[in-house]
Amino acid sequence: MQASRARLFKEYKEVQREKAVDPDIQLVCDDSNIYKWTALIKGPSETPYEGGVFQLAFSIPEQYPLLPPQVRFLTKIFHPNVHFKTGEICLDILKNAWSPAWTLQSVCRAIIALMAHPEPDSPLNCDSGNLLRSGDVRGYRSMARMYTRLAAMPKKG
């Protein structure tokens, strides 16, 4: 447990230093629990998620970094690799391809990359995956755009 705490404190300091370096990711540690983090990530440009801000919840095991964090979307998103109801993310580095070399920041980058390049062959959201697999990119993009507008766009006052 000490090792995971030390590692998370180190990452916390790096996040504080790098705020200006990576404006697309804002990682925040829970004030009372180093094992709970949230992140705000910007939807990648030239995707249906552009302009949206998506919130992620991180639950970090005490065996971290030997085990991957559990990460899910709190913001609703229409994406083949994200479960629509639970926000669970299907991403190899969060499962069998995890390595202690990954950090919470690099996990956020990988999720942004997944948003830009969905993998419709391993869908958690079958509706979204089926649209892409059947070649209906326009249908997929318009649904993804609609949900981004509804759930991830800053509300205009």
N, C-alpha and C. Protein backbone atom coordinates (compact mmCIF):
# COMPACT_ATOMS: atom_id res chain seq x y z
N MET A 1 0.83 -1.20 0.00
CA MET A 1 0.00 0.00 0.00
C MET A 1 0.87 1.26 0.00
N GLN A 2 1.99 1.22 0.74
CA GLN A 2 2.88 2.38 0.77
C GLN A 2 3.40 2.72 -0.62
N ALA A 3 3.74 1.67 -1.38
CA ALA A 3 4.29 1.90 -2.73
C ALA A 3 3.25 2.60 -3.61
N SER A 4 2.00 2.16 -3.52
CA SER A 4 0.98 2.78 -4.37
C SER A 4 0.74 4.23 -3.95
N ARG A 5 0.74 4.49 -2.64
CA ARG A 5 0.57 5.86 -2.15
C ARG A 5 1.69 6.74 -2.66
N ALA A 6 2.93 6.26 -2.54
CA ALA A 6 4.09 7.04 -2.97
C ALA A 6 3.98 7.33 -4.47
N ARG A 7 3.61 6.32 -5.24
CA ARG A 7 3.48 6.49 -6.69
C ARG A 7 2.39 7.52 -7.01
N LEU A 8 1.26 7.44 -6.31
CA LEU A 8 0.16 8.39 -6.59
C LEU A 8 0.53 9.81 -6.18
N PHE A 9 1.27 9.96 -5.09
CA PHE A 9 1.72 11.31 -4.70
C PHE A 9 2.67 11.87 -5.76
N LYS A 10 3.53 11.01 -6.27
CA LYS A 10 4.46 11.43 -7.33
C LYS A 10 3.67 11.88 -8.57
N GLU A 11 2.66 11.08 -8.96
CA GLU A 11 1.85 11.45 -10.12
C GLU A 11 1.09 12.75 -9.85
N TYR A 12 0.62 12.91 -8.62
CA TYR A 12 -0.11 14.13 -8.26
C TYR A 12 0.79 15.36 -8.48
N LYS A 13 2.04 15.26 -8.02
CA LYS A 13 2.98 16.38 -8.21
C LYS A 13 3.23 16.64 -9.69
N GLU A 14 3.38 15.57 -10.48
CA GLU A 14 3.61 15.74 -11.92
C GLU A 14 2.42 16.42 -12.58
N VAL A 15 1.22 16.02 -12.18
CA VAL A 15 -0.01 16.61 -12.74
C VAL A 15 -0.04 18.11 -12.44
N GLN A 16 0.34 18.48 -11.23
CA GLN A 16 0.36 19.91 -10.85
C GLN A 16 1.34 20.67 -11.74
N ARG A 17 2.50 20.06 -12.00
CA ARG A 17 3.53 20.70 -12.83
C ARG A 17 3.11 20.80 -14.28
N GLU A 18 2.40 19.77 -14.79
CA GLU A 18 2.12 19.68 -16.22
C GLU A 18 0.82 20.31 -16.66
N LYS A 19 0.11 20.98 -15.75
CA LYS A 19 -1.21 21.52 -16.11
C LYS A 19 -1.20 22.29 -17.42
N ALA A 20 -0.20 23.13 -17.60
CA ALA A 20 -0.15 23.94 -18.81
C ALA A 20 0.30 23.13 -20.03
N VAL A 21 1.02 22.04 -19.78
CA VAL A 21 1.58 21.24 -20.88
C VAL A 21 0.48 20.51 -21.65
N ASP A 22 -0.53 19.99 -20.93
CA ASP A 22 -1.57 19.20 -21.57
C ASP A 22 -2.94 19.81 -21.27
N PRO A 23 -3.34 20.84 -22.03
CA PRO A 23 -4.59 21.53 -21.73
C PRO A 23 -5.84 20.69 -21.98
N ASP A 24 -5.71 19.54 -22.65
CA ASP A 24 -6.87 18.69 -22.94
C ASP A 24 -7.24 17.78 -21.76
N ILE A 25 -6.38 17.72 -20.75
CA ILE A 25 -6.61 16.82 -19.62
C ILE A 25 -6.49 17.60 -18.32
N GLN A 26 -7.49 17.44 -17.47
CA GLN A 26 -7.43 18.04 -16.14
C GLN A 26 -7.70 16.93 -15.13
N LEU A 27 -6.64 16.47 -14.48
CA LEU A 27 -6.74 15.39 -13.49
C LEU A 27 -6.84 15.99 -12.09
N VAL A 28 -7.77 15.49 -11.29
CA VAL A 28 -7.96 16.01 -9.95
C VAL A 28 -8.05 14.85 -8.97
N CYS A 29 -7.26 14.95 -7.92
CA CYS A 29 -7.28 13.94 -6.87
C CYS A 29 -8.30 14.33 -5.82
N ASP A 30 -9.06 13.35 -5.33
CA ASP A 30 -10.01 13.59 -4.24
C ASP A 30 -9.24 14.06 -3.02
N ASP A 31 -9.71 15.13 -2.38
CA ASP A 31 -9.00 15.70 -1.22
C ASP A 31 -8.83 14.70 -0.08
N SER A 32 -9.77 13.80 0.08
CA SER A 32 -9.73 12.92 1.25
C SER A 32 -9.29 11.50 0.93
N ASN A 33 -9.09 11.17 -0.38
CA ASN A 33 -8.74 9.79 -0.73
C ASN A 33 -7.85 9.78 -1.97
N ILE A 34 -6.58 9.43 -1.78
CA ILE A 34 -5.61 9.42 -2.89
C ILE A 34 -5.96 8.36 -3.95
N TYR A 35 -6.84 7.41 -3.59
CA TYR A 35 -7.22 6.34 -4.52
C TYR A 35 -8.43 6.70 -5.38
N LYS A 36 -8.96 7.90 -5.21
CA LYS A 36 -10.10 8.36 -6.02
C LYS A 36 -9.69 9.63 -6.77
N TRP A 37 -9.79 9.59 -8.09
CA TRP A 37 -9.46 10.74 -8.92
C TRP A 37 -10.60 10.96 -9.91
N THR A 38 -10.69 12.18 -10.41
CA THR A 38 -11.56 12.45 -11.54
C THR A 38 -10.73 13.18 -12.59
N ALA A 39 -11.17 13.07 -13.81
CA ALA A 39 -10.49 13.78 -14.89
C ALA A 39 -11.53 14.43 -15.78
N LEU A 40 -11.18 15.58 -16.31
CA LEU A 40 -11.97 16.21 -17.36
C LEU A 40 -11.12 16.15 -18.62
N ILE A 41 -11.65 15.53 -19.66
CA ILE A 41 -10.89 15.46 -20.91
C ILE A 41 -11.71 16.14 -22.01
N LYS A 42 -11.00 16.79 -22.90
CA LYS A 42 -11.66 17.45 -24.02
C LYS A 42 -11.82 16.45 -25.16
N GLY A 43 -12.99 16.49 -25.80
CA GLY A 43 -13.21 15.64 -26.97
C GLY A 43 -12.21 16.01 -28.06
N PRO A 44 -11.61 14.99 -28.70
CA PRO A 44 -10.59 15.28 -29.73
C PRO A 44 -11.18 16.03 -30.92
N SER A 45 -10.38 16.92 -31.50
CA SER A 45 -10.86 17.72 -32.63
C SER A 45 -11.09 16.82 -33.84
N GLU A 46 -11.96 17.28 -34.71
CA GLU A 46 -12.35 16.55 -35.93
C GLU A 46 -12.97 15.20 -35.62
N THR A 47 -13.64 15.10 -34.46
CA THR A 47 -14.44 13.92 -34.11
C THR A 47 -15.81 14.44 -33.69
N PRO A 48 -16.79 13.54 -33.58
CA PRO A 48 -18.11 14.01 -33.12
C PRO A 48 -18.08 14.49 -31.67
N TYR A 49 -16.98 14.27 -30.97
CA TYR A 49 -16.86 14.66 -29.56
C TYR A 49 -16.21 16.03 -29.38
N GLU A 50 -15.78 16.63 -30.49
CA GLU A 50 -15.11 17.94 -30.43
C GLU A 50 -16.01 18.96 -29.75
N GLY A 51 -15.40 19.75 -28.86
CA GLY A 51 -16.15 20.77 -28.15
C GLY A 51 -16.75 20.28 -26.84
N GLY A 52 -16.77 18.97 -26.67
CA GLY A 52 -17.33 18.40 -25.45
C GLY A 52 -16.26 18.25 -24.38
N VAL A 53 -16.70 18.28 -23.12
CA VAL A 53 -15.81 18.02 -21.99
C VAL A 53 -16.41 16.83 -21.26
N PHE A 54 -15.61 15.77 -21.13
CA PHE A 54 -16.09 14.50 -20.58
C PHE A 54 -15.43 14.23 -19.24
N GLN A 55 -16.24 13.82 -18.28
CA GLN A 55 -15.70 13.53 -16.95
C GLN A 55 -15.48 12.04 -16.80
N LEU A 56 -14.30 11.70 -16.28
CA LEU A 56 -13.94 10.31 -16.00
C LEU A 56 -13.79 10.13 -14.49
N ALA A 57 -14.13 8.95 -14.00
CA ALA A 57 -13.90 8.62 -12.59
C ALA A 57 -12.85 7.51 -12.53
N PHE A 58 -11.84 7.73 -11.69
CA PHE A 58 -10.78 6.74 -11.49
C PHE A 58 -10.92 6.14 -10.10
N SER A 59 -10.90 4.82 -10.04
CA SER A 59 -10.85 4.12 -8.76
C SER A 59 -9.57 3.29 -8.82
N ILE A 60 -8.64 3.61 -7.92
CA ILE A 60 -7.30 3.03 -8.04
C ILE A 60 -7.10 1.96 -6.97
N PRO A 61 -6.71 0.76 -7.41
CA PRO A 61 -6.52 -0.33 -6.43
C PRO A 61 -5.27 -0.10 -5.58
N GLU A 62 -5.25 -0.69 -4.41
CA GLU A 62 -4.08 -0.52 -3.52
C GLU A 62 -2.83 -1.18 -4.11
N GLN A 63 -3.01 -2.06 -5.09
CA GLN A 63 -1.85 -2.71 -5.73
C GLN A 63 -1.32 -1.89 -6.91
N TYR A 64 -1.89 -0.71 -7.14
CA TYR A 64 -1.40 0.17 -8.21
C TYR A 64 0.06 0.52 -7.93
N PRO A 65 0.94 0.57 -8.92
CA PRO A 65 0.72 0.46 -10.36
C PRO A 65 0.83 -0.96 -10.91
N LEU A 66 0.85 -1.97 -10.05
CA LEU A 66 0.91 -3.34 -10.56
C LEU A 66 -0.42 -3.74 -11.20
N LEU A 67 -1.51 -3.17 -10.71
CA LEU A 67 -2.83 -3.39 -11.31
C LEU A 67 -3.32 -2.07 -11.90
N PRO A 68 -4.11 -2.15 -12.97
CA PRO A 68 -4.59 -0.91 -13.60
C PRO A 68 -5.68 -0.23 -12.77
N PRO A 69 -5.86 1.07 -12.95
CA PRO A 69 -6.98 1.75 -12.31
C PRO A 69 -8.28 1.32 -13.01
N GLN A 70 -9.38 1.43 -12.29
CA GLN A 70 -10.68 1.27 -12.94
C GLN A 70 -11.12 2.66 -13.36
N VAL A 71 -11.45 2.80 -14.63
CA VAL A 71 -11.83 4.11 -15.15
C VAL A 71 -13.16 3.98 -15.86
N ARG A 72 -14.03 4.95 -15.64
CA ARG A 72 -15.29 4.96 -16.38
C ARG A 72 -15.70 6.39 -16.68
N PHE A 73 -16.50 6.51 -17.73
CA PHE A 73 -17.05 7.82 -18.09
C PHE A 73 -18.20 8.13 -17.15
N LEU A 74 -18.20 9.33 -16.55
CA LEU A 74 -19.36 9.81 -15.80
C LEU A 74 -20.29 10.57 -16.75
N THR A 75 -19.70 11.16 -17.79
CA THR A 75 -20.47 11.87 -18.81
C THR A 75 -20.99 10.83 -19.81
N LYS A 76 -22.27 10.92 -20.15
CA LYS A 76 -22.84 10.01 -21.16
C LYS A 76 -22.12 10.24 -22.49
N ILE A 77 -21.77 9.12 -23.14
CA ILE A 77 -21.08 9.21 -24.43
C ILE A 77 -21.56 8.06 -25.32
N PHE A 78 -21.77 8.35 -26.59
CA PHE A 78 -22.17 7.34 -27.56
C PHE A 78 -20.92 6.91 -28.30
N HIS A 79 -20.37 5.77 -27.90
CA HIS A 79 -19.09 5.29 -28.44
C HIS A 79 -19.09 3.77 -28.36
N PRO A 80 -18.59 3.09 -29.40
CA PRO A 80 -18.64 1.62 -29.40
C PRO A 80 -17.93 0.98 -28.20
N ASN A 81 -16.89 1.60 -27.68
CA ASN A 81 -16.09 0.98 -26.64
C ASN A 81 -16.41 1.48 -25.23
N VAL A 82 -17.57 2.16 -25.10
CA VAL A 82 -18.00 2.66 -23.79
C VAL A 82 -19.43 2.21 -23.53
N HIS A 83 -19.64 1.54 -22.40
CA HIS A 83 -20.99 1.09 -22.04
C HIS A 83 -21.85 2.32 -21.77
N PHE A 84 -23.00 2.39 -22.46
CA PHE A 84 -23.81 3.62 -22.38
C PHE A 84 -24.34 3.89 -20.97
N LYS A 85 -24.74 2.83 -20.26
CA LYS A 85 -25.33 3.04 -18.93
C LYS A 85 -24.28 3.19 -17.83
N THR A 86 -23.25 2.33 -17.85
CA THR A 86 -22.29 2.32 -16.73
C THR A 86 -21.07 3.20 -16.97
N GLY A 87 -20.78 3.53 -18.24
CA GLY A 87 -19.58 4.31 -18.54
C GLY A 87 -18.31 3.47 -18.60
N GLU A 88 -18.46 2.14 -18.42
CA GLU A 88 -17.30 1.25 -18.48
C GLU A 88 -16.60 1.38 -19.84
N ILE A 89 -15.27 1.30 -19.83
CA ILE A 89 -14.48 1.51 -21.04
C ILE A 89 -13.79 0.20 -21.42
N CYS A 90 -13.92 -0.19 -22.68
CA CYS A 90 -13.21 -1.38 -23.18
C CYS A 90 -11.92 -0.89 -23.84
N LEU A 91 -10.83 -1.03 -23.11
CA LEU A 91 -9.53 -0.57 -23.60
C LEU A 91 -8.48 -1.54 -23.07
N ASP A 92 -7.67 -2.10 -23.98
CA ASP A 92 -6.73 -3.16 -23.58
C ASP A 92 -5.80 -2.77 -22.44
N ILE A 93 -5.36 -1.51 -22.40
CA ILE A 93 -4.41 -1.12 -21.34
C ILE A 93 -5.07 -1.09 -19.96
N LEU A 94 -6.41 -1.05 -19.93
CA LEU A 94 -7.09 -1.09 -18.64
C LEU A 94 -7.40 -2.53 -18.22
N LYS A 95 -7.03 -3.47 -19.09
CA LYS A 95 -7.30 -4.89 -18.80
C LYS A 95 -5.97 -5.66 -18.88
N ASN A 96 -5.82 -6.43 -19.98
CA ASN A 96 -4.69 -7.35 -20.09
C ASN A 96 -3.39 -6.72 -20.59
N ALA A 97 -3.42 -5.52 -21.15
CA ALA A 97 -2.19 -4.91 -21.68
C ALA A 97 -1.64 -3.85 -20.73
N TRP A 98 -2.09 -3.86 -19.48
CA TRP A 98 -1.63 -2.88 -18.49
C TRP A 98 -0.15 -3.06 -18.21
N SER A 99 0.54 -1.95 -17.99
CA SER A 99 1.93 -1.97 -17.57
C SER A 99 2.11 -0.88 -16.52
N PRO A 100 2.94 -1.12 -15.49
CA PRO A 100 3.19 -0.09 -14.49
C PRO A 100 3.81 1.18 -15.07
N ALA A 101 4.26 1.12 -16.32
CA ALA A 101 4.83 2.32 -16.96
C ALA A 101 3.73 3.35 -17.25
N TRP A 102 2.47 2.90 -17.36
CA TRP A 102 1.36 3.83 -17.60
C TRP A 102 1.11 4.67 -16.36
N THR A 103 0.71 5.92 -16.59
CA THR A 103 0.32 6.80 -15.49
C THR A 103 -1.15 7.17 -15.71
N LEU A 104 -1.75 7.81 -14.74
CA LEU A 104 -3.15 8.25 -14.89
C LEU A 104 -3.26 9.22 -16.07
N GLN A 105 -2.24 10.07 -16.21
CA GLN A 105 -2.22 11.03 -17.32
C GLN A 105 -2.16 10.30 -18.67
N SER A 106 -1.30 9.29 -18.76
CA SER A 106 -1.18 8.58 -20.05
C SER A 106 -2.43 7.74 -20.32
N VAL A 107 -3.11 7.28 -19.27
CA VAL A 107 -4.38 6.58 -19.46
C VAL A 107 -5.41 7.55 -20.08
N CYS A 108 -5.44 8.78 -19.59
CA CYS A 108 -6.34 9.79 -20.17
C CYS A 108 -6.02 10.01 -21.65
N ARG A 109 -4.73 10.08 -21.97
CA ARG A 109 -4.34 10.27 -23.38
C ARG A 109 -4.82 9.09 -24.23
N ALA A 110 -4.69 7.87 -23.69
CA ALA A 110 -5.12 6.67 -24.42
C ALA A 110 -6.64 6.68 -24.64
N ILE A 111 -7.39 7.17 -23.65
CA ILE A 111 -8.85 7.25 -23.78
C ILE A 111 -9.22 8.29 -24.84
N ILE A 112 -8.51 9.40 -24.88
CA ILE A 112 -8.75 10.42 -25.92
C ILE A 112 -8.47 9.82 -27.31
N ALA A 113 -7.39 9.04 -27.41
CA ALA A 113 -7.05 8.39 -28.68
C ALA A 113 -8.15 7.39 -29.08
N LEU A 114 -8.69 6.66 -28.09
CA LEU A 114 -9.77 5.71 -28.37
C LEU A 114 -11.02 6.45 -28.85
N MET A 115 -11.28 7.63 -28.28
CA MET A 115 -12.44 8.41 -28.72
C MET A 115 -12.30 8.77 -30.20
N ALA A 116 -11.08 9.07 -30.62
CA ALA A 116 -10.84 9.46 -32.02
C ALA A 116 -10.80 8.25 -32.95
N HIS A 117 -10.44 7.09 -32.40
CA HIS A 117 -10.29 5.88 -33.23
C HIS A 117 -11.01 4.71 -32.57
N PRO A 118 -12.35 4.67 -32.67
CA PRO A 118 -13.11 3.59 -32.03
C PRO A 118 -12.77 2.22 -32.61
N GLU A 119 -12.95 1.20 -31.80
CA GLU A 119 -12.73 -0.19 -32.21
C GLU A 119 -14.09 -0.89 -32.25
N PRO A 120 -14.81 -0.83 -33.37
CA PRO A 120 -16.17 -1.37 -33.40
C PRO A 120 -16.25 -2.89 -33.27
N ASP A 121 -15.12 -3.58 -33.38
CA ASP A 121 -15.15 -5.05 -33.30
C ASP A 121 -15.18 -5.58 -31.87
N SER A 122 -14.95 -4.69 -30.87
CA SER A 122 -15.12 -5.15 -29.48
C SER A 122 -16.02 -4.16 -28.74
N PRO A 123 -17.30 -4.12 -29.17
CA PRO A 123 -18.16 -3.08 -28.63
C PRO A 123 -18.74 -3.39 -27.25
N LEU A 124 -18.85 -2.36 -26.43
CA LEU A 124 -19.65 -2.43 -25.21
C LEU A 124 -21.00 -1.76 -25.50
N ASN A 125 -21.02 -0.89 -26.51
CA ASN A 125 -22.25 -0.26 -26.96
C ASN A 125 -22.53 -0.83 -28.35
N CYS A 126 -23.38 -1.85 -28.41
CA CYS A 126 -23.62 -2.57 -29.67
C CYS A 126 -24.26 -1.69 -30.73
N ASP A 127 -25.16 -0.79 -30.33
CA ASP A 127 -25.81 0.10 -31.31
C ASP A 127 -24.75 0.91 -32.05
N SER A 128 -23.85 1.48 -31.28
CA SER A 128 -22.79 2.30 -31.85
C SER A 128 -21.84 1.44 -32.70
N GLY A 129 -21.44 0.28 -32.17
CA GLY A 129 -20.55 -0.62 -32.90
C GLY A 129 -21.18 -1.10 -34.21
N ASN A 130 -22.48 -1.43 -34.16
CA ASN A 130 -23.17 -1.92 -35.36
C ASN A 130 -23.24 -0.86 -36.45
N LEU A 131 -23.46 0.40 -36.06
CA LEU A 131 -23.48 1.48 -37.06
C LEU A 131 -22.14 1.53 -37.80
N LEU A 132 -21.05 1.47 -37.05
CA LEU A 132 -19.74 1.55 -37.69
C LEU A 132 -19.44 0.29 -38.51
N ARG A 133 -19.77 -0.88 -37.95
CA ARG A 133 -19.48 -2.13 -38.67
C ARG A 133 -20.29 -2.24 -39.95
N SER A 134 -21.49 -1.65 -39.97
CA SER A 134 -22.30 -1.73 -41.18
C SER A 134 -21.96 -0.62 -42.17
N GLY A 135 -20.98 0.23 -41.79
CA GLY A 135 -20.54 1.29 -42.70
C GLY A 135 -21.33 2.58 -42.58
N ASP A 136 -22.23 2.67 -41.59
CA ASP A 136 -23.03 3.89 -41.42
C ASP A 136 -22.28 4.89 -40.53
N VAL A 137 -21.18 5.41 -41.06
CA VAL A 137 -20.35 6.35 -40.31
C VAL A 137 -21.13 7.63 -40.02
N ARG A 138 -21.93 8.04 -41.00
CA ARG A 138 -22.72 9.27 -40.83
C ARG A 138 -23.71 9.13 -39.67
N GLY A 139 -24.38 7.98 -39.59
CA GLY A 139 -25.33 7.73 -38.52
C GLY A 139 -24.64 7.72 -37.16
N TYR A 140 -23.49 7.04 -37.11
CA TYR A 140 -22.71 6.98 -35.87
C TYR A 140 -22.29 8.39 -35.44
N ARG A 141 -21.73 9.15 -36.39
CA ARG A 141 -21.24 10.49 -36.06
C ARG A 141 -22.38 11.40 -35.59
N SER A 142 -23.55 11.29 -36.22
CA SER A 142 -24.64 12.19 -35.83
C SER A 142 -25.17 11.82 -34.44
N MET A 143 -25.24 10.53 -34.11
CA MET A 143 -25.67 10.11 -32.76
C MET A 143 -24.62 10.57 -31.72
N ALA A 144 -23.34 10.34 -32.03
CA ALA A 144 -22.27 10.71 -31.11
C ALA A 144 -22.28 12.22 -30.89
N ARG A 145 -22.49 12.97 -31.97
CA ARG A 145 -22.53 14.43 -31.89
C ARG A 145 -23.71 14.90 -31.03
N MET A 146 -24.87 14.25 -31.24
CA MET A 146 -26.06 14.63 -30.49
C MET A 146 -25.83 14.42 -28.98
N TYR A 147 -25.28 13.25 -28.61
CA TYR A 147 -25.04 12.99 -27.19
C TYR A 147 -23.96 13.91 -26.62
N THR A 148 -22.97 14.25 -27.44
CA THR A 148 -21.95 15.20 -26.98
C THR A 148 -22.62 16.54 -26.68
N ARG A 149 -23.49 16.99 -27.59
CA ARG A 149 -24.20 18.25 -27.37
C ARG A 149 -25.06 18.20 -26.11
N LEU A 150 -25.78 17.09 -25.92
CA LEU A 150 -26.69 16.96 -24.78
C LEU A 150 -25.95 16.84 -23.45
N ALA A 151 -24.87 16.05 -23.43
CA ALA A 151 -24.26 15.69 -22.14
C ALA A 151 -22.93 16.35 -21.84
N ALA A 152 -22.18 16.75 -22.87
CA ALA A 152 -20.79 17.16 -22.63
C ALA A 152 -20.48 18.61 -22.97
N MET A 153 -21.47 19.32 -23.50
CA MET A 153 -21.21 20.71 -23.85
C MET A 153 -21.49 21.61 -22.66
N PRO A 154 -20.61 22.59 -22.43
CA PRO A 154 -20.88 23.56 -21.36
C PRO A 154 -22.22 24.25 -21.61
N LYS A 155 -23.03 24.34 -20.58
CA LYS A 155 -24.36 24.97 -20.73
C LYS A 155 -24.18 26.48 -20.92
N LYS A 156 -24.93 27.00 -21.89
CA LYS A 156 -24.89 28.44 -22.13
C LYS A 156 -25.83 29.11 -21.14
N GLY A 157 -25.37 30.16 -20.46
CA GLY A 157 -26.16 30.82 -19.43
C GLY A 157 -27.33 31.51 -19.94
